Amino acid sequence: MQTDAELVEAVLRGDQASFAPLVERHERAVMGTVLSVLPDHAGAQDVAQEAFVAAYQQLATLRSGWVLAIRGPAKASV
C-alpha cells in the first residue's frame, strides 16, 4: 500500500488515477467534518466533492497537508 505522500507525488508526476485511493482513504473523515457543520447529507456530499476537487487542483501547493487543508475549508465554505 502506498503512503499518502507517495500517492500525492504520483499525481503530481501526472498519474491522475493515483488521486482515487487518496479520496477513498479520506472521504469518511472529510464527510464527517462536513456533516458536523452541515447536517444535510446531499449538501454535505456536494461540499465534500468540491473540497476534493479543490485539493486536486491545488495539490502541488498542499502536498502532504492536503487532507487537513480540505477539512478546514470544508467547514469554512458552509
Protein backbone atom coordinates (compact mmCIF):
# COMPACT_ATOMS: atom_id res chain seq x y z
CA MET A 1 0.00 0.00 0.00
CA GLN A 2 1.35 3.39 -0.98
CA THR A 3 1.51 6.19 1.56
CA ASP A 4 -0.37 9.43 1.04
CA ALA A 5 2.90 11.17 0.22
CA GLU A 6 3.72 8.58 -2.45
CA LEU A 7 0.26 8.91 -3.99
CA VAL A 8 0.49 12.72 -3.98
CA GLU A 9 3.87 12.55 -5.70
CA ALA A 10 2.44 10.15 -8.30
CA VAL A 11 -0.43 12.54 -9.02
CA LEU A 12 2.00 15.43 -9.34
CA ARG A 13 4.00 13.38 -11.86
CA GLY A 14 0.85 13.05 -13.99
CA ASP A 15 -0.73 9.83 -12.70
CA GLN A 16 -4.26 11.16 -12.20
CA ALA A 17 -5.56 7.73 -11.18
CA SER A 18 -3.45 7.91 -8.01
CA PHE A 19 -5.83 10.52 -6.62
CA ALA A 20 -8.69 7.99 -6.32
CA PRO A 21 -7.06 6.00 -3.49
CA LEU A 22 -6.48 9.25 -1.63
CA VAL A 23 -10.17 10.13 -1.90
CA GLU A 24 -11.22 6.62 -0.85
CA ARG A 25 -8.83 6.69 2.10
CA HIS A 26 -10.02 10.05 3.43
CA GLU A 27 -13.60 10.52 2.25
CA ARG A 28 -15.12 9.37 5.57
CA ALA A 29 -13.08 11.87 7.58
CA VAL A 30 -13.91 14.69 5.19
CA MET A 31 -17.61 13.79 5.16
CA GLY A 32 -17.62 13.58 8.96
CA THR A 33 -16.15 17.06 9.17
CA VAL A 34 -18.63 18.47 6.68
CA LEU A 35 -21.60 16.72 8.31
CA SER A 36 -20.62 18.18 11.67
CA VAL A 37 -21.36 21.60 10.22
CA LEU A 38 -23.92 20.83 7.51
CA PRO A 39 -26.27 18.04 8.58
CA ASP A 40 -27.96 17.84 5.16
CA HIS A 41 -26.37 14.70 3.64
CA ALA A 42 -26.83 15.72 -0.01
CA GLY A 43 -25.43 19.18 0.64
CA ALA A 44 -22.56 17.70 2.61
CA GLN A 45 -21.69 15.37 -0.27
CA ASP A 46 -21.56 18.37 -2.61
CA VAL A 47 -19.27 20.30 -0.26
CA ALA A 48 -17.01 17.28 0.23
CA GLN A 49 -16.76 16.74 -3.52
CA GLU A 50 -15.91 20.41 -4.04
CA ALA A 51 -13.24 20.12 -1.37
CA PHE A 52 -11.63 17.14 -3.10
CA VAL A 53 -11.74 18.92 -6.47
CA ALA A 54 -10.10 21.98 -4.93
CA ALA A 55 -7.47 19.78 -3.28
CA TYR A 56 -6.71 18.09 -6.60
CA GLN A 57 -6.37 21.45 -8.34
CA GLN A 58 -4.04 22.79 -5.62
CA LEU A 59 -2.19 19.57 -4.82
CA ALA A 60 1.22 20.95 -5.78
CA THR A 61 0.81 23.66 -3.15
CA LEU A 62 -0.80 21.49 -0.46
CA ARG A 63 1.34 18.34 -0.80
CA SER A 64 1.39 16.32 2.43
CA GLY A 65 -1.02 18.58 4.31
CA TRP A 66 -3.73 18.23 1.72
CA VAL A 67 -6.27 16.41 3.91
CA LEU A 68 -6.01 18.98 6.68
CA ALA A 69 -6.28 21.75 4.11
CA ILE A 70 -9.53 20.44 2.67
CA ARG A 71 -11.07 19.59 6.02
CA GLY A 72 -10.58 23.16 7.22
CA PRO A 73 -12.02 24.93 4.13
CA ALA A 74 -14.92 22.47 4.04
CA LYS A 75 -16.06 23.94 7.34
CA ALA A 76 -15.41 27.50 6.23
CA SER A 77 -17.30 27.17 2.93
CA VAL A 78 -20.56 26.07 4.57
